[in-house]
Amino acid sequence: MPFTAETLRYERRDRRAYITLDRPERLNAITGEMARELAAAVAHANEDDDVRVIVLQGAGRAFSAGYDLKRYAEGGEEHQGAVWDPIRDYRKMRANTDAFFSLWRSLKPTIAKVHGYAVAGGSDIALCCDLVVMAEDARIGYMPARVWGCPTTAMWVYRLGAERAKRMLLTGDTIDGRQARDWGLVIEAVPADELDAAVDRLAGRMASVPTNQLAMQKLMVNQALDNMGLQSTQTLATFFDGVTRHSPEGRWFVDFAQQHGFDAAVRWRDQGRLIPDGGGPIPTAAEVDGLDGRP
């Protein structure tokens, strides 16, 4: 049966399943529905005997710019207000984390094709794939490490090691595809106009290997990371993510977004403006007007 969804597209050809995140007007910003549909698409590919490899990509100008802060920060849809219920929060975020991690747990290998941006929650999704191929000019990073987020999949440390993971998460900086390749975060970085061909070559090479062989090699490698405590680290990271969104600084960020809009709040955060310990007064309209227009 064909697979249909609201937030992504699914296509099968040449023993490969192509899953395309499809909210281009929002730079493929993540919603709960997208997370659920992503897991369903991965399951569909795993059940299809004619699929051996899964390629994940994004429609439009980016792979994914992270969670839809228009909904979750400016609108306050997932901010619980004065009283935070940590288990309710954990349950929802763990569901999303598990949905992203369906790419890692998939018995069939997964490749992320990254162009434009794979940032914040978008980097979580990309780094859950077995292999990541980036355009040289694409950017990857987890800017909510500055305020209002902790990467729930915890894949930064498992892919980069402790020191470089700290370099990324203690600054919230992004890096381009070349640096991501040089650091070993991704397997390959190519000029943007060669990205499709590079991913298809890699996927084609894998697609000639029997499914059983692919699954056993992947299970063996994944088991090594499980033995290093990946699951318990994800539990802690997912709980910490909820804490960051309900800390005094997290509440400050939500108040900022609701007062001045999420675009201004994100620019303030990502440009390195001061985020006060314990919250504090929200910047004035004049201070916000001084922000430049960079994403």
C-alpha atoms as a PDB file:
ATOM      1  CA  MET A   1       0.000   0.000   0.000  1.00  0.00           C
ATOM      2  CA  PRO A   2       1.242   3.530  -0.719  1.00  0.00           C
ATOM      3  CA  PHE A   3       2.330   5.634   2.244  1.00  0.00           C
ATOM      4  CA  THR A   4       0.745   9.068   2.660  1.00  0.00           C
ATOM      5  CA  ALA A   5       1.350  11.804   5.221  1.00  0.00           C
ATOM      6  CA  GLU A   6       0.650  15.486   5.817  1.00  0.00           C
ATOM      7  CA  THR A   7       4.154  16.736   6.728  1.00  0.00           C
ATOM      8  CA  LEU A   8       6.395  14.590   4.554  1.00  0.00           C
ATOM      9  CA  ARG A   9       6.549  12.774   1.232  1.00  0.00           C
ATOM     10  CA  TYR A  10       7.523   9.148   0.625  1.00  0.00           C
ATOM     11  CA  GLU A  11       8.866   7.703  -2.611  1.00  0.00           C
ATOM     12  CA  ARG A  12      10.423   4.345  -3.474  1.00  0.00           C
ATOM     13  CA  ARG A  13      12.760   3.696  -6.376  1.00  0.00           C
ATOM     14  CA  ASP A  14      15.831   1.575  -7.108  1.00  0.00           C
ATOM     15  CA  ARG A  15      15.615  -0.326  -3.785  1.00  0.00           C
ATOM     16  CA  ARG A  16      15.651   2.985  -1.890  1.00  0.00           C
ATOM     17  CA  ALA A  17      12.999   4.828   0.106  1.00  0.00           C
ATOM     18  CA  TYR A  18      13.194   8.619  -0.102  1.00  0.00           C
ATOM     19  CA  ILE A  19      11.556  10.411   2.821  1.00  0.00           C
ATOM     20  CA  THR A  20      11.244  14.163   2.278  1.00  0.00           C
ATOM     21  CA  LEU A  21      10.367  16.511   5.133  1.00  0.00           C
ATOM     22  CA  ASP A  22       7.771  18.693   3.457  1.00  0.00           C
ATOM     23  CA  ARG A  23       6.998  21.938   5.248  1.00  0.00           C
ATOM     24  CA  PRO A  24       9.191  24.148   3.038  1.00  0.00           C
ATOM     25  CA  GLU A  25       7.332  27.340   3.919  1.00  0.00           C
ATOM     26  CA  ARG A  26       8.530  26.817   7.519  1.00  0.00           C
ATOM     27  CA  LEU A  27      11.985  25.460   6.566  1.00  0.00           C
ATOM     28  CA  ASN A  28      10.641  22.009   7.496  1.00  0.00           C
ATOM     29  CA  ALA A  29      10.147  23.039  11.106  1.00  0.00           C
ATOM     30  CA  ILE A  30       9.304  20.093  13.335  1.00  0.00           C
ATOM     31  CA  THR A  31       5.895  19.465  14.852  1.00  0.00           C
ATOM     32  CA  GLY A  32       4.621  16.537  16.868  1.00  0.00           C
ATOM     33  CA  GLU A  33       2.774  15.365  13.772  1.00  0.00           C
ATOM     34  CA  MET A  34       5.977  15.392  11.719  1.00  0.00           C
ATOM     35  CA  ALA A  35       7.787  13.324  14.342  1.00  0.00           C
ATOM     36  CA  ARG A  36       5.010  10.723  14.346  1.00  0.00           C
ATOM     37  CA  GLU A  37       4.829  10.598  10.552  1.00  0.00           C
ATOM     38  CA  LEU A  38       8.608  10.267  10.281  1.00  0.00           C
ATOM     39  CA  ALA A  39       8.575   7.185  12.512  1.00  0.00           C
ATOM     40  CA  ALA A  40       5.668   5.753  10.515  1.00  0.00           C
ATOM     41  CA  ALA A  41       7.528   6.320   7.230  1.00  0.00           C
ATOM     42  CA  VAL A  42      10.643   4.591   8.568  1.00  0.00           C
ATOM     43  CA  ALA A  43       8.523   1.661   9.736  1.00  0.00           C
ATOM     44  CA  HIS A  44       6.856   1.502   6.313  1.00  0.00           C
ATOM     45  CA  ALA A  45      10.255   1.336   4.594  1.00  0.00           C
ATOM     46  CA  ASN A  46      11.423  -1.383   6.964  1.00  0.00           C
ATOM     47  CA  GLU A  47       8.377  -3.484   6.159  1.00  0.00           C
ATOM     48  CA  ASP A  48       8.915  -3.153   2.392  1.00  0.00           C
ATOM     49  CA  ASP A  49      11.041  -6.004   1.034  1.00  0.00           C
ATOM     50  CA  ASP A  50      11.863  -3.918  -2.037  1.00  0.00           C
ATOM     51  CA  VAL A  51      13.635  -1.261   0.071  1.00  0.00           C
ATOM     52  CA  ARG A  52      17.207  -1.706   1.281  1.00  0.00           C
ATOM     53  CA  VAL A  53      18.267   1.880   2.076  1.00  0.00           C
ATOM     54  CA  ILE A  54      16.412   4.952   3.393  1.00  0.00           C
ATOM     55  CA  VAL A  55      17.371   8.495   2.325  1.00  0.00           C
ATOM     56  CA  LEU A  56      16.042  11.393   4.389  1.00  0.00           C
ATOM     57  CA  GLN A  57      15.988  14.883   2.901  1.00  0.00           C
ATOM     58  CA  GLY A  58      14.213  18.217   3.168  1.00  0.00           C
ATOM     59  CA  ALA A  59      12.083  20.101   0.661  1.00  0.00           C
ATOM     60  CA  GLY A  60      12.838  23.719  -0.226  1.00  0.00           C
ATOM     61  CA  ARG A  61      15.732  25.735   1.190  1.00  0.00           C
ATOM     62  CA  ALA A  62      16.716  23.563   4.162  1.00  0.00           C
ATOM     63  CA  PHE A  63      16.839  20.088   5.636  1.00  0.00           C
ATOM     64  CA  SER A  64      15.181  21.333   8.851  1.00  0.00           C
ATOM     65  CA  ALA A  65      15.463  24.484  10.940  1.00  0.00           C
ATOM     66  CA  GLY A  66      14.364  22.700  14.132  1.00  0.00           C
ATOM     67  CA  TYR A  67      11.161  22.795  16.112  1.00  0.00           C
ATOM     68  CA  ASP A  68       8.436  25.171  14.981  1.00  0.00           C
ATOM     69  CA  LEU A  69       9.063  27.980  17.455  1.00  0.00           C
ATOM     70  CA  LYS A  70       6.239  29.984  15.916  1.00  0.00           C
ATOM     71  CA  ARG A  71       3.992  27.418  17.566  1.00  0.00           C
ATOM     72  CA  TYR A  72       6.003  26.315  20.592  1.00  0.00           C
ATOM     73  CA  ALA A  73       7.709  29.521  21.762  1.00  0.00           C
ATOM     74  CA  GLU A  74       5.786  32.514  20.458  1.00  0.00           C
ATOM     75  CA  GLY A  75       2.473  30.729  20.808  1.00  0.00           C
ATOM     76  CA  GLY A  76       3.459  29.029  24.040  1.00  0.00           C
ATOM     77  CA  GLU A  77       1.665  25.848  22.962  1.00  0.00           C
ATOM     78  CA  GLU A  78       4.027  23.515  24.823  1.00  0.00           C
ATOM     79  CA  HIS A  79       5.006  25.840  27.670  1.00  0.00           C
ATOM     80  CA  GLN A  80       3.095  24.768  30.754  1.00  0.00           C
ATOM     81  CA  GLY A  81       2.902  28.089  32.532  1.00  0.00           C
ATOM     82  CA  ALA A  82       3.482  28.625  36.241  1.00  0.00           C
ATOM     83  CA  VAL A  83       3.549  24.935  37.202  1.00  0.00           C
ATOM     84  CA  TRP A  84       5.708  22.496  35.248  1.00  0.00           C
ATOM     85  CA  ASP A  85       4.709  18.844  35.126  1.00  0.00           C
ATOM     86  CA  PRO A  86       8.049  17.116  34.381  1.00  0.00           C
ATOM     87  CA  ILE A  87       6.565  13.708  33.599  1.00  0.00           C
ATOM     88  CA  ARG A  88       4.030  15.124  31.155  1.00  0.00           C
ATOM     89  CA  ASP A  89       6.848  17.061  29.513  1.00  0.00           C
ATOM     90  CA  TYR A  90       9.147  14.026  29.443  1.00  0.00           C
ATOM     91  CA  ARG A  91       6.443  11.818  27.966  1.00  0.00           C
ATOM     92  CA  LYS A  92       5.887  14.165  25.035  1.00  0.00           C
ATOM     93  CA  MET A  93       9.543  14.867  24.348  1.00  0.00           C
ATOM     94  CA  ARG A  94      10.527  11.223  24.749  1.00  0.00           C
ATOM     95  CA  ALA A  95       7.925  10.336  22.120  1.00  0.00           C
ATOM     96  CA  ASN A  96       9.559  12.788  19.719  1.00  0.00           C
ATOM     97  CA  THR A  97      13.044  11.528  20.575  1.00  0.00           C
ATOM     98  CA  ASP A  98      11.986   7.946  19.970  1.00  0.00           C
ATOM     99  CA  ALA A  99      10.417   8.984  16.664  1.00  0.00           C
ATOM    100  CA  PHE A 100      13.666  10.606  15.540  1.00  0.00           C
ATOM    101  CA  PHE A 101      15.606   7.599  16.771  1.00  0.00           C
ATOM    102  CA  SER A 102      13.560   5.286  14.560  1.00  0.00           C
ATOM    103  CA  LEU A 103      16.154   6.274  11.950  1.00  0.00           C
ATOM    104  CA  TRP A 104      18.940   4.864  14.130  1.00  0.00           C
ATOM    105  CA  ARG A 105      16.976   1.780  15.186  1.00  0.00           C
ATOM    106  CA  SER A 106      15.840   1.078  11.630  1.00  0.00           C
ATOM    107  CA  LEU A 107      17.173  -2.295  10.486  1.00  0.00           C
ATOM    108  CA  LYS A 108      17.800  -0.707   7.101  1.00  0.00           C
ATOM    109  CA  PRO A 109      20.560   1.907   6.835  1.00  0.00           C
ATOM    110  CA  THR A 110      19.584   5.573   6.788  1.00  0.00           C
ATOM    111  CA  ILE A 111      21.338   8.486   5.084  1.00  0.00           C
ATOM    112  CA  ALA A 112      20.614  12.158   5.809  1.00  0.00           C
ATOM    113  CA  LYS A 113      21.059  14.503   2.847  1.00  0.00           C
ATOM    114  CA  VAL A 114      21.635  17.945   4.381  1.00  0.00           C
ATOM    115  CA  HIS A 115      21.368  21.234   2.505  1.00  0.00           C
ATOM    116  CA  GLY A 116      20.694  24.708   3.839  1.00  0.00           C
ATOM    117  CA  TYR A 117      20.271  24.144   7.564  1.00  0.00           C
ATOM    118  CA  ALA A 118      20.101  21.148   9.905  1.00  0.00           C
ATOM    119  CA  VAL A 119      19.917  23.042  13.155  1.00  0.00           C
ATOM    120  CA  ALA A 120      18.368  22.686  16.612  1.00  0.00           C
ATOM    121  CA  GLY A 121      15.903  19.774  16.460  1.00  0.00           C
ATOM    122  CA  GLY A 122      16.763  19.413  12.774  1.00  0.00           C
ATOM    123  CA  SER A 123      20.291  18.436  13.782  1.00  0.00           C
ATOM    124  CA  ASP A 124      18.794  15.855  16.157  1.00  0.00           C
ATOM    125  CA  ILE A 125      16.994  14.254  13.214  1.00  0.00           C
ATOM    126  CA  ALA A 126      20.007  14.344  10.882  1.00  0.00           C
ATOM    127  CA  LEU A 127      22.369  12.889  13.480  1.00  0.00           C
ATOM    128  CA  CYS A 128      20.005   9.986  14.119  1.00  0.00           C
ATOM    129  CA  CYS A 129      20.745   8.740  10.615  1.00  0.00           C
ATOM    130  CA  ASP A 130      23.560   6.251  10.181  1.00  0.00           C
ATOM    131  CA  LEU A 131      25.400   8.482   7.729  1.00  0.00           C
ATOM    132  CA  VAL A 132      25.137  12.205   7.023  1.00  0.00           C
ATOM    133  CA  VAL A 133      26.188  13.823   3.756  1.00  0.00           C
ATOM    134  CA  MET A 134      26.182  17.630   3.724  1.00  0.00           C
ATOM    135  CA  ALA A 135      26.494  20.360   1.174  1.00  0.00           C
ATOM    136  CA  GLU A 136      29.712  22.242   1.893  1.00  0.00           C
ATOM    137  CA  ASP A 137      27.803  25.474   2.495  1.00  0.00           C
ATOM    138  CA  ALA A 138      25.105  23.901   4.693  1.00  0.00           C
ATOM    139  CA  ARG A 139      25.090  24.659   8.427  1.00  0.00           C
ATOM    140  CA  ILE A 140      24.604  22.296  11.346  1.00  0.00           C
ATOM    141  CA  GLY A 141      24.424  23.095  15.056  1.00  0.00           C
ATOM    142  CA  TYR A 142      22.259  23.216  18.143  1.00  0.00           C
ATOM    143  CA  MET A 143      21.647  26.886  18.940  1.00  0.00           C
ATOM    144  CA  PRO A 144      19.051  26.176  21.684  1.00  0.00           C
ATOM    145  CA  ALA A 145      21.983  25.052  23.817  1.00  0.00           C
ATOM    146  CA  ARG A 146      22.266  28.805  24.544  1.00  0.00           C
ATOM    147  CA  VAL A 147      18.769  28.826  26.035  1.00  0.00           C
ATOM    148  CA  TRP A 148      15.573  26.732  25.827  1.00  0.00           C
ATOM    149  CA  GLY A 149      16.950  23.383  24.779  1.00  0.00           C
ATOM    150  CA  CYS A 150      19.123  20.308  25.284  1.00  0.00           C
ATOM    151  CA  PRO A 151      19.623  17.865  22.383  1.00  0.00           C
ATOM    152  CA  THR A 152      17.428  14.978  23.460  1.00  0.00           C
ATOM    153  CA  THR A 153      19.037  12.388  21.174  1.00  0.00           C
ATOM    154  CA  ALA A 154      22.479  13.084  22.743  1.00  0.00           C
ATOM    155  CA  MET A 155      24.147  12.206  19.444  1.00  0.00           C
ATOM    156  CA  TRP A 156      26.639  15.093  19.491  1.00  0.00           C
ATOM    157  CA  VAL A 157      28.891  13.432  22.060  1.00  0.00           C
ATOM    158  CA  TYR A 158      28.646   9.994  20.474  1.00  0.00           C
ATOM    159  CA  ARG A 159      29.623  11.335  17.055  1.00  0.00           C
ATOM    160  CA  LEU A 160      32.151  14.013  18.048  1.00  0.00           C
ATOM    161  CA  GLY A 161      33.598  12.950  21.383  1.00  0.00           C
ATOM    162  CA  ALA A 162      33.429  14.944  24.604  1.00  0.00           C
ATOM    163  CA  GLU A 163      35.593  17.975  23.820  1.00  0.00           C
ATOM    164  CA  ARG A 164      34.141  18.866  20.436  1.00  0.00           C
ATOM    165  CA  ALA A 165      30.625  18.162  21.682  1.00  0.00           C
ATOM    166  CA  LYS A 166      31.275  20.647  24.476  1.00  0.00           C
ATOM    167  CA  ARG A 167      32.652  23.126  21.936  1.00  0.00           C
ATOM    168  CA  MET A 168      29.335  22.994  20.084  1.00  0.00           C
ATOM    169  CA  LEU A 169      26.940  22.824  23.022  1.00  0.00           C
ATOM    170  CA  LEU A 170      28.628  25.403  25.277  1.00  0.00           C
ATOM    171  CA  THR A 171      28.425  28.013  22.508  1.00  0.00           C
ATOM    172  CA  GLY A 172      25.424  27.046  20.402  1.00  0.00           C
ATOM    173  CA  ASP A 173      27.525  27.765  17.319  1.00  0.00           C
ATOM    174  CA  THR A 174      26.915  26.252  13.897  1.00  0.00           C
ATOM    175  CA  ILE A 175      29.547  24.841  11.549  1.00  0.00           C
ATOM    176  CA  ASP A 176      29.480  24.329   7.809  1.00  0.00           C
ATOM    177  CA  GLY A 177      29.668  21.055   5.959  1.00  0.00           C
ATOM    178  CA  ARG A 178      33.430  21.233   5.452  1.00  0.00           C
ATOM    179  CA  GLN A 179      34.153  21.608   9.152  1.00  0.00           C
ATOM    180  CA  ALA A 180      31.571  18.963  10.050  1.00  0.00           C
ATOM    181  CA  ARG A 181      33.375  16.563   7.703  1.00  0.00           C
ATOM    182  CA  ASP A 182      36.807  17.487   9.047  1.00  0.00           C
ATOM    183  CA  TRP A 183      35.630  16.922  12.624  1.00  0.00           C
ATOM    184  CA  GLY A 184      34.113  13.554  11.742  1.00  0.00           C
ATOM    185  CA  LEU A 185      30.553  14.651  12.502  1.00  0.00           C
ATOM    186  CA  VAL A 186      29.423  13.739   8.974  1.00  0.00           C
ATOM    187  CA  ILE A 187      30.834  11.280   6.479  1.00  0.00           C
ATOM    188  CA  GLU A 188      31.095  13.584   3.456  1.00  0.00           C
ATOM    189  CA  ALA A 189      30.705  17.206   2.357  1.00  0.00           C
ATOM    190  CA  VAL A 190      30.359  18.135  -1.299  1.00  0.00           C
ATOM    191  CA  PRO A 191      29.477  21.227  -3.344  1.00  0.00           C
ATOM    192  CA  ALA A 192      25.760  21.899  -3.156  1.00  0.00           C
ATOM    193  CA  ASP A 193      25.186  21.065  -6.822  1.00  0.00           C
ATOM    194  CA  GLU A 194      26.782  17.635  -6.304  1.00  0.00           C
ATOM    195  CA  LEU A 195      24.825  16.673  -3.187  1.00  0.00           C
ATOM    196  CA  ASP A 196      22.108  14.625  -4.886  1.00  0.00           C
ATOM    197  CA  ALA A 197      24.623  12.651  -6.928  1.00  0.00           C
ATOM    198  CA  ALA A 198      26.878  11.983  -3.928  1.00  0.00           C
ATOM    199  CA  VAL A 199      24.005  10.634  -1.829  1.00  0.00           C
ATOM    200  CA  ASP A 200      22.676   8.534  -4.692  1.00  0.00           C
ATOM    201  CA  ARG A 201      26.123   6.981  -5.231  1.00  0.00           C
ATOM    202  CA  LEU A 202      26.385   6.062  -1.561  1.00  0.00           C
ATOM    203  CA  ALA A 203      22.822   4.764  -1.367  1.00  0.00           C
ATOM    204  CA  GLY A 204      23.295   2.792  -4.572  1.00  0.00           C
ATOM    205  CA  ARG A 205      26.428   1.127  -3.229  1.00  0.00           C
ATOM    206  CA  MET A 206      24.526   0.015  -0.112  1.00  0.00           C
ATOM    207  CA  ALA A 207      21.438  -1.012  -2.068  1.00  0.00           C
ATOM    208  CA  SER A 208      23.397  -3.784  -3.792  1.00  0.00           C
ATOM    209  CA  VAL A 209      24.094  -5.472  -0.428  1.00  0.00           C
ATOM    210  CA  PRO A 210      21.548  -8.038   0.848  1.00  0.00           C
ATOM    211  CA  THR A 211      19.157  -6.663   3.467  1.00  0.00           C
ATOM    212  CA  ASN A 212      20.231  -9.268   6.024  1.00  0.00           C
ATOM    213  CA  GLN A 213      23.862  -8.227   5.693  1.00  0.00           C
ATOM    214  CA  LEU A 214      23.013  -4.548   6.070  1.00  0.00           C
ATOM    215  CA  ALA A 215      20.929  -5.209   9.175  1.00  0.00           C
ATOM    216  CA  MET A 216      23.537  -7.336  10.915  1.00  0.00           C
ATOM    217  CA  GLN A 217      26.406  -4.916  10.305  1.00  0.00           C
ATOM    218  CA  LYS A 218      24.278  -2.028  11.561  1.00  0.00           C
ATOM    219  CA  LEU A 219      23.067  -3.890  14.652  1.00  0.00           C
ATOM    220  CA  MET A 220      26.637  -4.786  15.578  1.00  0.00           C
ATOM    221  CA  VAL A 221      27.879  -1.191  15.375  1.00  0.00           C
ATOM    222  CA  ASN A 222      24.823   0.214  17.166  1.00  0.00           C
ATOM    223  CA  GLN A 223      25.262  -2.263  19.999  1.00  0.00           C
ATOM    224  CA  ALA A 224      28.666  -0.747  20.749  1.00  0.00           C
ATOM    225  CA  LEU A 225      27.049   2.656  21.371  1.00  0.00           C
ATOM    226  CA  ASP A 226      24.310   1.070  23.454  1.00  0.00           C
ATOM    227  CA  ASN A 227      27.032  -0.485  25.592  1.00  0.00           C
ATOM    228  CA  MET A 228      28.447   3.023  26.075  1.00  0.00           C
ATOM    229  CA  GLY A 229      25.197   4.134  27.711  1.00  0.00           C
ATOM    230  CA  LEU A 230      23.406   5.825  24.833  1.00  0.00           C
ATOM    231  CA  GLN A 231      19.906   5.029  26.118  1.00  0.00           C
ATOM    232  CA  SER A 232      20.541   6.271  29.660  1.00  0.00           C
ATOM    233  CA  THR A 233      22.175   9.436  28.286  1.00  0.00           C
ATOM    234  CA  GLN A 234      19.087  10.094  26.167  1.00  0.00           C
ATOM    235  CA  THR A 235      16.853   9.725  29.218  1.00  0.00           C
ATOM    236  CA  LEU A 236      18.845  12.382  31.045  1.00  0.00           C
ATOM    237  CA  ALA A 237      19.058  14.657  27.998  1.00  0.00           C
ATOM    238  CA  THR A 238      15.314  14.473  27.374  1.00  0.00           C
ATOM    239  CA  PHE A 239      14.570  15.382  30.995  1.00  0.00           C
ATOM    240  CA  PHE A 240      17.120  18.227  30.883  1.00  0.00           C
ATOM    241  CA  ASP A 241      15.440  19.566  27.735  1.00  0.00           C
ATOM    242  CA  GLY A 242      12.240  20.055  29.701  1.00  0.00           C
ATOM    243  CA  VAL A 243      14.158  21.735  32.526  1.00  0.00           C
ATOM    244  CA  THR A 244      15.760  24.214  30.113  1.00  0.00           C
ATOM    245  CA  ARG A 245      12.363  25.230  28.764  1.00  0.00           C
ATOM    246  CA  HIS A 246      10.956  25.873  32.263  1.00  0.00           C
ATOM    247  CA  SER A 247      13.999  27.347  33.992  1.00  0.00           C
ATOM    248  CA  PRO A 248      13.994  31.092  34.757  1.00  0.00           C
ATOM    249  CA  GLU A 249      16.051  31.632  31.602  1.00  0.00           C
ATOM    250  CA  GLY A 250      13.700  29.450  29.574  1.00  0.00           C
ATOM    251  CA  ARG A 251      10.704  31.413  30.786  1.00  0.00           C
ATOM    252  CA  TRP A 252      12.553  34.625  29.908  1.00  0.00           C
ATOM    253  CA  PHE A 253      12.969  33.338  26.357  1.00  0.00           C
ATOM    254  CA  VAL A 254       9.266  32.475  26.049  1.00  0.00           C
ATOM    255  CA  ASP A 255       8.278  35.906  27.390  1.00  0.00           C
ATOM    256  CA  PHE A 256      10.673  37.513  24.880  1.00  0.00           C
ATOM    257  CA  ALA A 257       9.161  35.495  22.006  1.00  0.00           C
ATOM    258  CA  GLN A 258       5.614  36.302  23.013  1.00  0.00           C
ATOM    259  CA  GLN A 259       6.389  40.015  23.366  1.00  0.00           C
ATOM    260  CA  HIS A 260       8.586  40.570  20.304  1.00  0.00           C
ATOM    261  CA  GLY A 261       8.010  37.472  18.141  1.00  0.00           C
ATOM    262  CA  PHE A 262      10.030  34.311  17.839  1.00  0.00           C
ATOM    263  CA  ASP A 263      12.211  35.674  14.996  1.00  0.00           C
ATOM    264  CA  ALA A 264      13.557  38.422  17.256  1.00  0.00           C
ATOM    265  CA  ALA A 265      14.006  36.006  20.181  1.00  0.00           C
ATOM    266  CA  VAL A 266      15.996  33.581  18.047  1.00  0.00           C
ATOM    267  CA  ARG A 267      18.151  36.356  16.591  1.00  0.00           C
ATOM    268  CA  TRP A 268      18.887  37.643  20.115  1.00  0.00           C
ATOM    269  CA  ARG A 269      19.909  34.160  21.226  1.00  0.00           C
ATOM    270  CA  ASP A 270      21.904  33.199  18.148  1.00  0.00           C
ATOM    271  CA  GLN A 271      23.790  36.482  17.811  1.00  0.00           C
ATOM    272  CA  GLY A 272      25.293  36.045  21.256  1.00  0.00           C
ATOM    273  CA  ARG A 273      23.351  38.740  23.099  1.00  0.00           C
ATOM    274  CA  LEU A 274      23.360  38.424  26.875  1.00  0.00           C
ATOM    275  CA  ILE A 275      20.871  35.940  28.327  1.00  0.00           C
ATOM    276  CA  PRO A 276      20.637  36.879  32.004  1.00  0.00           C
ATOM    277  CA  ASP A 277      20.992  34.281  34.731  1.00  0.00           C
ATOM    278  CA  GLY A 278      17.676  33.905  36.521  1.00  0.00           C
ATOM    279  CA  GLY A 279      15.758  35.643  33.764  1.00  0.00           C
ATOM    280  CA  GLY A 280      15.472  39.392  34.215  1.00  0.00           C
ATOM    281  CA  PRO A 281      13.763  42.188  32.278  1.00  0.00           C
ATOM    282  CA  ILE A 282      12.815  41.587  28.667  1.00  0.00           C
ATOM    283  CA  PRO A 283      14.737  43.771  26.180  1.00  0.00           C
ATOM    284  CA  THR A 284      12.949  46.894  25.059  1.00  0.00           C
ATOM    285  CA  ALA A 285      11.560  47.397  21.576  1.00  0.00           C
ATOM    286  CA  ALA A 286      14.444  49.772  20.849  1.00  0.00           C
ATOM    287  CA  GLU A 287      16.993  47.111  21.805  1.00  0.00           C
ATOM    288  CA  VAL A 288      15.228  44.530  19.679  1.00  0.00           C
ATOM    289  CA  ASP A 289      15.103  46.926  16.712  1.00  0.00           C
ATOM    290  CA  GLY A 290      18.899  46.981  16.823  1.00  0.00           C
ATOM    291  CA  LEU A 291      19.138  43.312  15.819  1.00  0.00           C
ATOM    292  CA  ASP A 292      20.263  42.622  12.289  1.00  0.00           C
ATOM    293  CA  GLY A 293      18.336  40.359   9.968  1.00  0.00           C
ATOM    294  CA  ARG A 294      20.575  37.300  10.047  1.00  0.00           C
ATOM    295  CA  PRO A 295      18.842  33.943  10.601  1.00  0.00           C
END
